[in-house]
PDB file of N, CA and C in Angstrom:
ATOM      1  N   MET A   1       0.842  -1.185   0.000  1.00  0.00           N
ATOM      2  CA  MET A   1       0.000   0.000   0.000  1.00  0.00           C
ATOM      3  C   MET A   1       0.888   1.250   0.000  1.00  0.00           C
ATOM      4  N   ILE A   2       0.536   2.229  -0.794  1.00  0.00           N
ATOM      5  CA  ILE A   2       1.296   3.469  -0.895  1.00  0.00           C
ATOM      6  C   ILE A   2       0.810   4.438   0.171  1.00  0.00           C
ATOM      7  N   LYS A   3       1.764   4.980   0.917  1.00  0.00           N
ATOM      8  CA  LYS A   3       1.419   5.953   1.952  1.00  0.00           C
ATOM      9  C   LYS A   3       1.098   7.294   1.299  1.00  0.00           C
ATOM     10  N   GLU A   4       0.017   7.910   1.759  1.00  0.00           N
ATOM     11  CA  GLU A   4      -0.413   9.195   1.206  1.00  0.00           C
ATOM     12  C   GLU A   4       0.532  10.306   1.646  1.00  0.00           C
ATOM     13  N   PHE A   5       0.903  11.154   0.709  1.00  0.00           N
ATOM     14  CA  PHE A   5       1.769  12.293   0.985  1.00  0.00           C
ATOM     15  C   PHE A   5       0.924  13.419   1.565  1.00  0.00           C
ATOM     16  N   SER A   6       1.333  13.947   2.705  1.00  0.00           N
ATOM     17  CA  SER A   6       0.570  15.019   3.348  1.00  0.00           C
ATOM     18  C   SER A   6       1.502  16.157   3.755  1.00  0.00           C
ATOM     19  N   ILE A   7       1.305  17.314   3.127  1.00  0.00           N
ATOM     20  CA  ILE A   7       2.102  18.486   3.480  1.00  0.00           C
ATOM     21  C   ILE A   7       1.816  18.905   4.913  1.00  0.00           C
ATOM     22  N   VAL A   8       0.557  18.787   5.325  1.00  0.00           N
ATOM     23  CA  VAL A   8       0.182  19.165   6.695  1.00  0.00           C
ATOM     24  C   VAL A   8       0.946  18.309   7.702  1.00  0.00           C
ATOM     25  N   ASP A   9       1.017  16.997   7.456  1.00  0.00           N
ATOM     26  CA  ASP A   9       1.758  16.112   8.360  1.00  0.00           C
ATOM     27  C   ASP A   9       3.241  16.466   8.397  1.00  0.00           C
ATOM     28  N   LEU A  10       3.798  16.781   7.233  1.00  0.00           N
ATOM     29  CA  LEU A  10       5.213  17.165   7.179  1.00  0.00           C
ATOM     30  C   LEU A  10       5.468  18.448   7.963  1.00  0.00           C
ATOM     31  N   LEU A  11       4.625  19.467   7.754  1.00  0.00           N
ATOM     32  CA  LEU A  11       4.772  20.728   8.489  1.00  0.00           C
ATOM     33  C   LEU A  11       4.602  20.513   9.986  1.00  0.00           C
ATOM     34  N   TYR A  12       3.624  19.695  10.351  1.00  0.00           N
ATOM     35  CA  TYR A  12       3.366  19.408  11.761  1.00  0.00           C
ATOM     36  C   TYR A  12       4.595  18.772  12.414  1.00  0.00           C
ATOM     37  N   SER A  13       5.123  17.730  11.786  1.00  0.00           N
ATOM     38  CA  SER A  13       6.299  17.041  12.336  1.00  0.00           C
ATOM     39  C   SER A  13       7.497  17.975  12.431  1.00  0.00           C
ATOM     40  N   TRP A  14       7.691  18.776  11.399  1.00  0.00           N
ATOM     41  CA  TRP A  14       8.808  19.727  11.366  1.00  0.00           C
ATOM     42  C   TRP A  14       8.694  20.741  12.493  1.00  0.00           C
ATOM     43  N   LYS A  15       7.520  21.349  12.665  1.00  0.00           N
ATOM     44  CA  LYS A  15       7.345  22.383  13.687  1.00  0.00           C
ATOM     45  C   LYS A  15       7.410  21.797  15.096  1.00  0.00           C
ATOM     46  N   VAL A  16       6.845  20.618  15.325  1.00  0.00           N
ATOM     47  CA  VAL A  16       6.934  19.978  16.643  1.00  0.00           C
ATOM     48  C   VAL A  16       8.387  19.676  16.963  1.00  0.00           C
ATOM     49  N   GLY A  17       9.115  19.132  16.004  1.00  0.00           N
ATOM     50  CA  GLY A  17      10.529  18.825  16.218  1.00  0.00           C
ATOM     51  C   GLY A  17      11.343  20.063  16.542  1.00  0.00           C
ATOM     52  N   GLU A  18      11.110  21.144  15.794  1.00  0.00           N
ATOM     53  CA  GLU A  18      11.838  22.394  16.057  1.00  0.00           C
ATOM     54  C   GLU A  18      11.489  22.974  17.418  1.00  0.00           C
ATOM     55  N   ALA A  19      10.202  22.970  17.762  1.00  0.00           N
ATOM     56  CA  ALA A  19       9.770  23.538  19.046  1.00  0.00           C
ATOM     57  C   ALA A  19      10.354  22.746  20.212  1.00  0.00           C
ATOM     58  N   LYS A  20      10.341  21.419  20.112  1.00  0.00           N
ATOM     59  CA  LYS A  20      10.906  20.586  21.181  1.00  0.00           C
ATOM     60  C   LYS A  20      12.409  20.812  21.319  1.00  0.00           C
ATOM     61  N   LYS A  21      13.100  20.877  20.192  1.00  0.00           N
ATOM     62  CA  LYS A  21      14.549  21.100  20.217  1.00  0.00           C
ATOM     63  C   LYS A  21      14.873  22.445  20.867  1.00  0.00           C
ATOM     64  N   LYS A  22      14.116  23.464  20.488  1.00  0.00           N
ATOM     65  CA  LYS A  22      14.316  24.809  21.030  1.00  0.00           C
ATOM     66  C   LYS A  22      14.106  24.816  22.551  1.00  0.00           C
ATOM     67  N   LEU A  23      13.067  24.106  23.007  1.00  0.00           N
ATOM     68  CA  LEU A  23      12.779  24.046  24.444  1.00  0.00           C
ATOM     69  C   LEU A  23      13.868  23.300  25.212  1.00  0.00           C
ATOM     70  N   GLU A  24      14.362  22.206  24.631  1.00  0.00           N
ATOM     71  CA  GLU A  24      15.392  21.412  25.299  1.00  0.00           C
ATOM     72  C   GLU A  24      16.700  22.183  25.439  1.00  0.00           C
ATOM     73  N   GLU A  25      17.019  22.996  24.438  1.00  0.00           N
ATOM     74  CA  GLU A  25      18.290  23.723  24.437  1.00  0.00           C
ATOM     75  C   GLU A  25      18.243  25.021  25.232  1.00  0.00           C
ATOM     76  N   LYS A  26      17.047  25.533  25.467  1.00  0.00           N
ATOM     77  CA  LYS A  26      16.910  26.852  26.092  1.00  0.00           C
ATOM     78  C   LYS A  26      17.210  26.788  27.590  1.00  0.00           C
ATOM     79  N   LEU A  27      18.118  27.659  28.019  1.00  0.00           N
ATOM     80  CA  LEU A  27      18.465  27.757  29.436  1.00  0.00           C
ATOM     81  C   LEU A  27      17.500  28.708  30.137  1.00  0.00           C
ATOM     82  N   ASP A  28      17.418  28.618  31.461  1.00  0.00           N
ATOM     83  CA  ASP A  28      16.490  29.455  32.222  1.00  0.00           C
ATOM     84  C   ASP A  28      16.779  30.945  32.094  1.00  0.00           C
ATOM     85  N   ASN A  29      18.035  31.297  31.893  1.00  0.00           N
ATOM     86  CA  ASN A  29      18.378  32.723  31.814  1.00  0.00           C
ATOM     87  C   ASN A  29      18.393  33.248  30.375  1.00  0.00           C
ATOM     88  N   GLU A  30      17.965  32.433  29.419  1.00  0.00           N
ATOM     89  CA  GLU A  30      17.946  32.848  28.017  1.00  0.00           C
ATOM     90  C   GLU A  30      16.581  33.415  27.637  1.00  0.00           C
ATOM     91  N   ILE A  31      16.627  34.483  26.880  1.00  0.00           N
ATOM     92  CA  ILE A  31      15.409  35.095  26.357  1.00  0.00           C
ATOM     93  C   ILE A  31      15.632  35.301  24.865  1.00  0.00           C
ATOM     94  N   PHE A  32      14.723  34.752  24.061  1.00  0.00           N
ATOM     95  CA  PHE A  32      14.819  34.943  22.623  1.00  0.00           C
ATOM     96  C   PHE A  32      14.227  36.300  22.258  1.00  0.00           C
ATOM     97  N   VAL A  33      14.768  36.913  21.233  1.00  0.00           N
ATOM     98  CA  VAL A  33      14.290  38.227  20.798  1.00  0.00           C
ATOM     99  C   VAL A  33      12.784  38.186  20.541  1.00  0.00           C
ATOM    100  N   THR A  34      12.299  37.095  19.960  1.00  0.00           N
ATOM    101  CA  THR A  34      10.860  37.001  19.689  1.00  0.00           C
ATOM    102  C   THR A  34      10.034  36.990  20.971  1.00  0.00           C
ATOM    103  N   ASP A  35      10.617  36.522  22.081  1.00  0.00           N
ATOM    104  CA  ASP A  35       9.899  36.538  23.366  1.00  0.00           C
ATOM    105  C   ASP A  35       9.638  37.958  23.843  1.00  0.00           C
ATOM    106  N   LEU A  36      10.458  38.891  23.420  1.00  0.00           N
ATOM    107  CA  LEU A  36      10.344  40.275  23.882  1.00  0.00           C
ATOM    108  C   LEU A  36       9.128  40.997  23.312  1.00  0.00           C
ATOM    109  N   ILE A  37       8.571  40.491  22.226  1.00  0.00           N
ATOM    110  CA  ILE A  37       7.428  41.182  21.623  1.00  0.00           C
ATOM    111  C   ILE A  37       6.087  40.654  22.123  1.00  0.00           C
ATOM    112  N   TYR A  38       6.116  39.564  22.874  1.00  0.00           N
ATOM    113  CA  TYR A  38       4.880  38.975  23.375  1.00  0.00           C
ATOM    114  C   TYR A  38       4.555  39.485  24.772  1.00  0.00           C
ATOM    115  N   CYS A  39       3.358  39.204  25.196  1.00  0.00           N
ATOM    116  CA  CYS A  39       2.926  39.513  26.551  1.00  0.00           C
ATOM    117  C   CYS A  39       3.865  38.806  27.536  1.00  0.00           C
ATOM    118  N   PRO A  40       4.320  39.484  28.598  1.00  0.00           N
ATOM    119  CA  PRO A  40       5.220  38.858  29.571  1.00  0.00           C
ATOM    120  C   PRO A  40       4.626  37.605  30.222  1.00  0.00           C
ATOM    121  N   LEU A  41       3.311  37.573  30.378  1.00  0.00           N
ATOM    122  CA  LEU A  41       2.686  36.385  30.968  1.00  0.00           C
ATOM    123  C   LEU A  41       2.792  35.183  30.036  1.00  0.00           C
ATOM    124  N   LYS A  42       2.718  35.417  28.735  1.00  0.00           N
ATOM    125  CA  LYS A  42       2.859  34.322  27.779  1.00  0.00           C
ATOM    126  C   LYS A  42       4.234  33.685  27.932  1.00  0.00           C
ATOM    127  N   TYR A  43       5.261  34.513  28.024  1.00  0.00           N
ATOM    128  CA  TYR A  43       6.626  34.015  28.208  1.00  0.00           C
ATOM    129  C   TYR A  43       6.724  33.211  29.508  1.00  0.00           C
ATOM    130  N   LYS A  44       6.154  33.756  30.580  1.00  0.00           N
ATOM    131  CA  LYS A  44       6.198  33.097  31.893  1.00  0.00           C
ATOM    132  C   LYS A  44       5.490  31.738  31.850  1.00  0.00           C
ATOM    133  N   TYR A  45       4.295  31.701  31.264  1.00  0.00           N
ATOM    134  CA  TYR A  45       3.538  30.449  31.210  1.00  0.00           C
ATOM    135  C   TYR A  45       4.185  29.428  30.279  1.00  0.00           C
ATOM    136  N   GLN A  46       4.817  29.888  29.221  1.00  0.00           N
ATOM    137  CA  GLN A  46       5.496  28.942  28.337  1.00  0.00           C
ATOM    138  C   GLN A  46       6.692  28.295  29.026  1.00  0.00           C
ATOM    139  N   LYS A  47       7.302  29.003  29.962  1.00  0.00           N
ATOM    140  CA  LYS A  47       8.406  28.408  30.725  1.00  0.00           C
ATOM    141  C   LYS A  47       7.879  27.337  31.676  1.00  0.00           C
ATOM    142  N   VAL A  48       6.697  27.573  32.237  1.00  0.00           N
ATOM    143  CA  VAL A  48       6.106  26.620  33.184  1.00  0.00           C
ATOM    144  C   VAL A  48       5.441  25.460  32.444  1.00  0.00           C
ATOM    145  N   TYR A  49       4.665  25.784  31.423  1.00  0.00           N
ATOM    146  CA  TYR A  49       3.917  24.783  30.659  1.00  0.00           C
ATOM    147  C   TYR A  49       4.501  24.706  29.250  1.00  0.00           C
ATOM    148  N   LYS A  50       5.452  23.828  29.079  1.00  0.00           N
ATOM    149  CA  LYS A  50       6.205  23.731  27.820  1.00  0.00           C
ATOM    150  C   LYS A  50       5.301  23.437  26.611  1.00  0.00           C
ATOM    151  N   GLU A  51       4.163  22.776  26.852  1.00  0.00           N
ATOM    152  CA  GLU A  51       3.260  22.435  25.756  1.00  0.00           C
ATOM    153  C   GLU A  51       2.730  23.681  25.048  1.00  0.00           C
ATOM    154  N   LEU A  52       2.622  24.787  25.791  1.00  0.00           N
ATOM    155  CA  LEU A  52       2.131  26.031  25.193  1.00  0.00           C
ATOM    156  C   LEU A  52       3.075  26.528  24.102  1.00  0.00           C
ATOM    157  N   ALA A  53       4.358  26.379  24.329  1.00  0.00           N
ATOM    158  CA  ALA A  53       5.341  26.814  23.329  1.00  0.00           C
ATOM    159  C   ALA A  53       5.227  25.970  22.069  1.00  0.00           C
ATOM    160  N   ILE A  54       4.985  24.678  22.244  1.00  0.00           N
ATOM    161  CA  ILE A  54       4.827  23.801  21.081  1.00  0.00           C
ATOM    162  C   ILE A  54       3.553  24.171  20.331  1.00  0.00           C
ATOM    163  N   GLY A  55       2.476  24.424  21.074  1.00  0.00           N
ATOM    164  CA  GLY A  55       1.204  24.795  20.453  1.00  0.00           C
ATOM    165  C   GLY A  55       1.278  26.097  19.687  1.00  0.00           C
ATOM    166  N   SER A  56       2.031  27.049  20.196  1.00  0.00           N
ATOM    167  CA  SER A  56       2.110  28.352  19.519  1.00  0.00           C
ATOM    168  C   SER A  56       2.875  28.263  18.200  1.00  0.00           C
ATOM    169  N   ALA A  57       3.612  27.182  18.006  1.00  0.00           N
ATOM    170  CA  ALA A  57       4.336  26.989  16.745  1.00  0.00           C
ATOM    171  C   ALA A  57       3.376  26.766  15.578  1.00  0.00           C
ATOM    172  N   PHE A  58       2.113  26.452  15.884  1.00  0.00           N
ATOM    173  CA  PHE A  58       1.130  26.170  14.836  1.00  0.00           C
ATOM    174  C   PHE A  58       0.183  27.329  14.581  1.00  0.00           C
ATOM    175  N   ASN A  59       0.478  28.456  15.164  1.00  0.00           N
ATOM    176  CA  ASN A  59      -0.293  29.658  14.897  1.00  0.00           C
ATOM    177  C   ASN A  59      -0.170  29.958  13.402  1.00  0.00           C
ATOM    178  N   PRO A  60      -1.296  30.198  12.695  1.00  0.00           N
ATOM    179  CA  PRO A  60      -1.208  30.452  11.250  1.00  0.00           C
ATOM    180  C   PRO A  60      -0.264  31.596  10.884  1.00  0.00           C
ATOM    181  N   ILE A  61      -0.228  32.626  11.698  1.00  0.00           N
ATOM    182  CA  ILE A  61       0.670  33.748  11.412  1.00  0.00           C
ATOM    183  C   ILE A  61       2.123  33.301  11.536  1.00  0.00           C
ATOM    184  N   THR A  62       2.404  32.467  12.533  1.00  0.00           N
ATOM    185  CA  THR A  62       3.761  31.948  12.720  1.00  0.00           C
ATOM    186  C   THR A  62       4.170  31.085  11.527  1.00  0.00           C
ATOM    187  N   LEU A  63       3.277  30.200  11.098  1.00  0.00           N
ATOM    188  CA  LEU A  63       3.579  29.340   9.948  1.00  0.00           C
ATOM    189  C   LEU A  63       3.774  30.163   8.675  1.00  0.00           C
ATOM    190  N   TYR A  64       2.916  31.138   8.465  1.00  0.00           N
ATOM    191  CA  TYR A  64       3.027  32.009   7.293  1.00  0.00           C
ATOM    192  C   TYR A  64       4.367  32.750   7.318  1.00  0.00           C
ATOM    193  N   GLY A  65       4.709  33.293   8.470  1.00  0.00           N
ATOM    194  CA  GLY A  65       5.975  34.007   8.613  1.00  0.00           C
ATOM    195  C   GLY A  65       7.169  33.111   8.352  1.00  0.00           C
ATOM    196  N   GLU A  66       7.085  31.871   8.813  1.00  0.00           N
ATOM    197  CA  GLU A  66       8.181  30.919   8.610  1.00  0.00           C
ATOM    198  C   GLU A  66       8.366  30.600   7.126  1.00  0.00           C
ATOM    199  N   VAL A  67       7.260  30.399   6.426  1.00  0.00           N
ATOM    200  CA  VAL A  67       7.334  30.097   4.992  1.00  0.00           C
ATOM    201  C   VAL A  67       7.911  31.291   4.226  1.00  0.00           C
ATOM    202  N   ILE A  68       7.445  32.492   4.546  1.00  0.00           N
ATOM    203  CA  ILE A  68       7.973  33.702   3.907  1.00  0.00           C
ATOM    204  C   ILE A  68       9.466  33.852   4.221  1.00  0.00           C
ATOM    205  N   HIS A  69       9.820  33.623   5.478  1.00  0.00           N
ATOM    206  CA  HIS A  69      11.215  33.740   5.910  1.00  0.00           C
ATOM    207  C   HIS A  69      12.112  32.784   5.121  1.00  0.00           C
ATOM    208  N   GLN A  70      11.687  31.520   5.023  1.00  0.00           N
ATOM    209  CA  GLN A  70      12.487  30.524   4.303  1.00  0.00           C
ATOM    210  C   GLN A  70      12.645  30.905   2.828  1.00  0.00           C
ATOM    211  N   GLY A  71      11.558  31.376   2.219  1.00  0.00           N
ATOM    212  CA  GLY A  71      11.620  31.780   0.812  1.00  0.00           C
ATOM    213  C   GLY A  71      12.518  32.983   0.597  1.00  0.00           C
ATOM    214  N   LEU A  72      12.383  33.981   1.457  1.00  0.00           N
ATOM    215  CA  LEU A  72      13.202  35.184   1.352  1.00  0.00           C
ATOM    216  C   LEU A  72      14.680  34.859   1.563  1.00  0.00           C
ATOM    217  N   GLU A  73      14.934  33.976   2.516  1.00  0.00           N
ATOM    218  CA  GLU A  73      16.312  33.554   2.780  1.00  0.00           C
ATOM    219  C   GLU A  73      16.918  32.903   1.536  1.00  0.00           C
ATOM    220  N   LYS A  74      16.145  32.064   0.884  1.00  0.00           N
ATOM    221  CA  LYS A  74      16.616  31.384  -0.326  1.00  0.00           C
ATOM    222  C   LYS A  74      16.888  32.391  -1.446  1.00  0.00           C
ATOM    223  N   ILE A  75      15.978  33.332  -1.629  1.00  0.00           N
ATOM    224  CA  ILE A  75      16.151  34.356  -2.669  1.00  0.00           C
ATOM    225  C   ILE A  75      17.390  35.199  -2.393  1.00  0.00           C
ATOM    226  N   LEU A  76      17.548  35.647  -1.150  1.00  0.00           N
ATOM    227  CA  LEU A  76      18.696  36.487  -0.804  1.00  0.00           C
ATOM    228  C   LEU A  76      20.015  35.744  -0.963  1.00  0.00           C
ATOM    229  N   SER A  77      20.001  34.443  -0.644  1.00  0.00           N
ATOM    230  CA  SER A  77      21.241  33.677  -0.785  1.00  0.00           C
ATOM    231  C   SER A  77      21.639  33.520  -2.248  1.00  0.00           C
ATOM    232  N   THR A  78      20.662  33.567  -3.167  1.00  0.00           N
ATOM    233  CA  THR A  78      21.009  33.499  -4.585  1.00  0.00           C
ATOM    234  C   THR A  78      21.393  34.868  -5.147  1.00  0.00           C
ATOM    235  N   LEU A  79      20.863  35.936  -4.570  1.00  0.00           N
ATOM    236  CA  LEU A  79      21.185  37.285  -5.043  1.00  0.00           C
ATOM    237  C   LEU A  79      22.582  37.738  -4.621  1.00  0.00           C
ATOM    238  N   PHE A  80      23.004  37.307  -3.436  1.00  0.00           N
ATOM    239  CA  PHE A  80      24.313  37.704  -2.926  1.00  0.00           C
ATOM    240  C   PHE A  80      25.271  36.537  -3.026  1.00  0.00           C
ATOM    241  N   ASN A  81      26.528  36.844  -3.286  1.00  0.00           N
ATOM    242  CA  ASN A  81      27.565  35.824  -3.227  1.00  0.00           C
ATOM    243  C   ASN A  81      27.648  35.294  -1.807  1.00  0.00           C
ATOM    244  N   ILE A  82      27.984  34.036  -1.671  1.00  0.00           N
ATOM    245  CA  ILE A  82      28.156  33.466  -0.340  1.00  0.00           C
ATOM    246  C   ILE A  82      29.221  34.244   0.425  1.00  0.00           C
ATOM    247  N   SER A  83      30.242  34.736  -0.267  1.00  0.00           N
ATOM    248  CA  SER A  83      31.306  35.490   0.399  1.00  0.00           C
ATOM    249  C   SER A  83      30.843  36.881   0.823  1.00  0.00           C
ATOM    250  N   ASP A  84      29.765  37.384   0.200  1.00  0.00           N
ATOM    251  CA  ASP A  84      29.266  38.722   0.518  1.00  0.00           C
ATOM    252  C   ASP A  84      28.230  38.734   1.636  1.00  0.00           C
ATOM    253  N   ALA A  85      27.581  37.605   1.885  1.00  0.00           N
ATOM    254  CA  ALA A  85      26.493  37.601   2.863  1.00  0.00           C
ATOM    255  C   ALA A  85      26.511  36.319   3.691  1.00  0.00           C
ATOM    256  N   ASN A  86      26.141  36.463   4.944  1.00  0.00           N
ATOM    257  CA  ASN A  86      25.956  35.319   5.835  1.00  0.00           C
ATOM    258  C   ASN A  86      24.467  35.219   6.145  1.00  0.00           C
ATOM    259  N   ILE A  87      23.929  34.018   6.052  1.00  0.00           N
ATOM    260  CA  ILE A  87      22.513  33.777   6.279  1.00  0.00           C
ATOM    261  C   ILE A  87      22.333  33.156   7.666  1.00  0.00           C
ATOM    262  N   GLU A  88      21.307  33.607   8.387  1.00  0.00           N
ATOM    263  CA  GLU A  88      20.960  33.065   9.708  1.00  0.00           C
ATOM    264  C   GLU A  88      22.137  33.134  10.686  1.00  0.00           C
ATOM    265  N   VAL A  89      22.606  34.315  10.948  1.00  0.00           N
ATOM    266  CA  VAL A  89      23.718  34.517  11.876  1.00  0.00           C
ATOM    267  C   VAL A  89      23.154  34.638  13.290  1.00  0.00           C
ATOM    268  N   GLU A  90      23.596  33.757  14.176  1.00  0.00           N
ATOM    269  CA  GLU A  90      23.121  33.820  15.562  1.00  0.00           C
ATOM    270  C   GLU A  90      23.890  34.894  16.313  1.00  0.00           C
ATOM    271  N   TYR A  91      23.164  35.616  17.154  1.00  0.00           N
ATOM    272  CA  TYR A  91      23.753  36.704  17.922  1.00  0.00           C
ATOM    273  C   TYR A  91      23.192  36.645  19.333  1.00  0.00           C
ATOM    274  N   GLU A  92      24.033  36.963  20.298  1.00  0.00           N
ATOM    275  CA  GLU A  92      23.557  37.022  21.683  1.00  0.00           C
ATOM    276  C   GLU A  92      24.258  38.141  22.427  1.00  0.00           C
ATOM    277  N   LYS A  93      23.560  38.633  23.435  1.00  0.00           N
ATOM    278  CA  LYS A  93      24.096  39.721  24.252  1.00  0.00           C
ATOM    279  C   LYS A  93      23.729  39.438  25.701  1.00  0.00           C
ATOM    280  N   ASN A  94      24.723  39.562  26.584  1.00  0.00           N
ATOM    281  CA  ASN A  94      24.477  39.378  28.015  1.00  0.00           C
ATOM    282  C   ASN A  94      24.035  40.695  28.631  1.00  0.00           C
ATOM    283  N   ILE A  95      22.997  40.618  29.460  1.00  0.00           N
ATOM    284  CA  ILE A  95      22.461  41.802  30.127  1.00  0.00           C
ATOM    285  C   ILE A  95      22.383  41.495  31.618  1.00  0.00           C
ATOM    286  N   LEU A  96      22.875  42.414  32.431  1.00  0.00           N
ATOM    287  CA  LEU A  96      22.828  42.253  33.885  1.00  0.00           C
ATOM    288  C   LEU A  96      21.650  43.054  34.430  1.00  0.00           C
ATOM    289  N   ILE A  97      20.717  42.362  35.090  1.00  0.00           N
ATOM    290  CA  ILE A  97      19.555  43.002  35.708  1.00  0.00           C
ATOM    291  C   ILE A  97      19.418  42.454  37.124  1.00  0.00           C
ATOM    292  N   ASP A  98      19.464  43.351  38.110  1.00  0.00           N
ATOM    293  CA  ASP A  98      19.328  42.960  39.524  1.00  0.00           C
ATOM    294  C   ASP A  98      20.262  41.804  39.894  1.00  0.00           C
ATOM    295  N   ASN A  99      21.516  41.912  39.517  1.00  0.00           N
ATOM    296  CA  ASN A  99      22.542  40.901  39.799  1.00  0.00           C
ATOM    297  C   ASN A  99      22.284  39.553  39.124  1.00  0.00           C
ATOM    298  N   ASN A 100      21.402  39.506  38.156  1.00  0.00           N
ATOM    299  CA  ASN A 100      21.159  38.299  37.372  1.00  0.00           C
ATOM    300  C   ASN A 100      21.571  38.576  35.931  1.00  0.00           C
ATOM    301  N   THR A 101      22.300  37.640  35.352  1.00  0.00           N
ATOM    302  CA  THR A 101      22.716  37.785  33.964  1.00  0.00           C
ATOM    303  C   THR A 101      21.729  37.049  33.066  1.00  0.00           C
ATOM    304  N   TYR A 102      21.192  37.781  32.096  1.00  0.00           N
ATOM    305  CA  TYR A 102      20.286  37.204  31.114  1.00  0.00           C
ATOM    306  C   TYR A 102      20.967  37.250  29.755  1.00  0.00           C
ATOM    307  N   VAL A 103      20.682  36.253  28.963  1.00  0.00           N
ATOM    308  CA  VAL A 103      21.243  36.184  27.618  1.00  0.00           C
ATOM    309  C   VAL A 103      20.102  36.419  26.629  1.00  0.00           C
ATOM    310  N   ILE A 104      20.200  37.507  25.884  1.00  0.00           N
ATOM    311  CA  ILE A 104      19.227  37.799  24.839  1.00  0.00           C
ATOM    312  C   ILE A 104      19.781  37.188  23.555  1.00  0.00           C
ATOM    313  N   LYS A 105      19.008  36.278  22.952  1.00  0.00           N
ATOM    314  CA  LYS A 105      19.476  35.566  21.763  1.00  0.00           C
ATOM    315  C   LYS A 105      18.558  35.841  20.584  1.00  0.00           C
ATOM    316  N   GLY A 106      19.177  35.934  19.427  1.00  0.00           N
ATOM    317  CA  GLY A 106      18.404  36.124  18.210  1.00  0.00           C
ATOM    318  C   GLY A 106      19.196  35.699  17.000  1.00  0.00           C
ATOM    319  N   ARG A 107      18.537  35.771  15.862  1.00  0.00           N
ATOM    320  CA  ARG A 107      19.189  35.434  14.602  1.00  0.00           C
ATOM    321  C   ARG A 107      19.012  36.589  13.631  1.00  0.00           C
ATOM    322  N   ILE A 108      20.094  36.960  13.014  1.00  0.00           N
ATOM    323  CA  ILE A 108      20.061  37.974  11.971  1.00  0.00           C
ATOM    324  C   ILE A 108      19.804  37.233  10.661  1.00  0.00           C
ATOM    325  N   ASP A 109      18.754  37.629   9.953  1.00  0.00           N
ATOM    326  CA  ASP A 109      18.386  36.915   8.728  1.00  0.00           C
ATOM    327  C   ASP A 109      19.509  36.922   7.703  1.00  0.00           C
ATOM    328  N   VAL A 110      20.011  38.102   7.400  1.00  0.00           N
ATOM    329  CA  VAL A 110      21.096  38.230   6.425  1.00  0.00           C
ATOM    330  C   VAL A 110      22.062  39.291   6.916  1.00  0.00           C
ATOM    331  N   LEU A 111      23.327  38.940   6.972  1.00  0.00           N
ATOM    332  CA  LEU A 111      24.373  39.878   7.354  1.00  0.00           C
ATOM    333  C   LEU A 111      25.290  40.042   6.147  1.00  0.00           C
ATOM    334  N   ILE A 112      25.259  41.236   5.567  1.00  0.00           N
ATOM    335  CA  ILE A 112      26.056  41.499   4.368  1.00  0.00           C
ATOM    336  C   ILE A 112      27.403  42.059   4.793  1.00  0.00           C
ATOM    337  N   ASN A 113      28.463  41.425   4.331  1.00  0.00           N
ATOM    338  CA  ASN A 113      29.824  41.830   4.699  1.00  0.00           C
ATOM    339  C   ASN A 113      30.212  43.133   4.038  1.00  0.00           C
TER     340      ASN A 113
END
């Protein structure tokens, strides 16, 4: 029997895998740049209830943004020489607040040399 091809299943598996990996790697003192634009309670509850972070990965706006991001990244990588641009550059900055060090982490989509 031939297994049916499902884009929805592929996207679901991909997003669940990414969300779980992100949660496993994230330290308590790390804050992602995207966390800064959300309600502070959402960030707090996602730290306590990890399932919420996985669920938010399926928000239609999030999925749409991810697809646009991937496409734009591909287009930009073909427009610029590999030597002229770096794609998905990770960046972090340590911030001291009330004697606690927090790491703000983010990714720069394209960094042109």
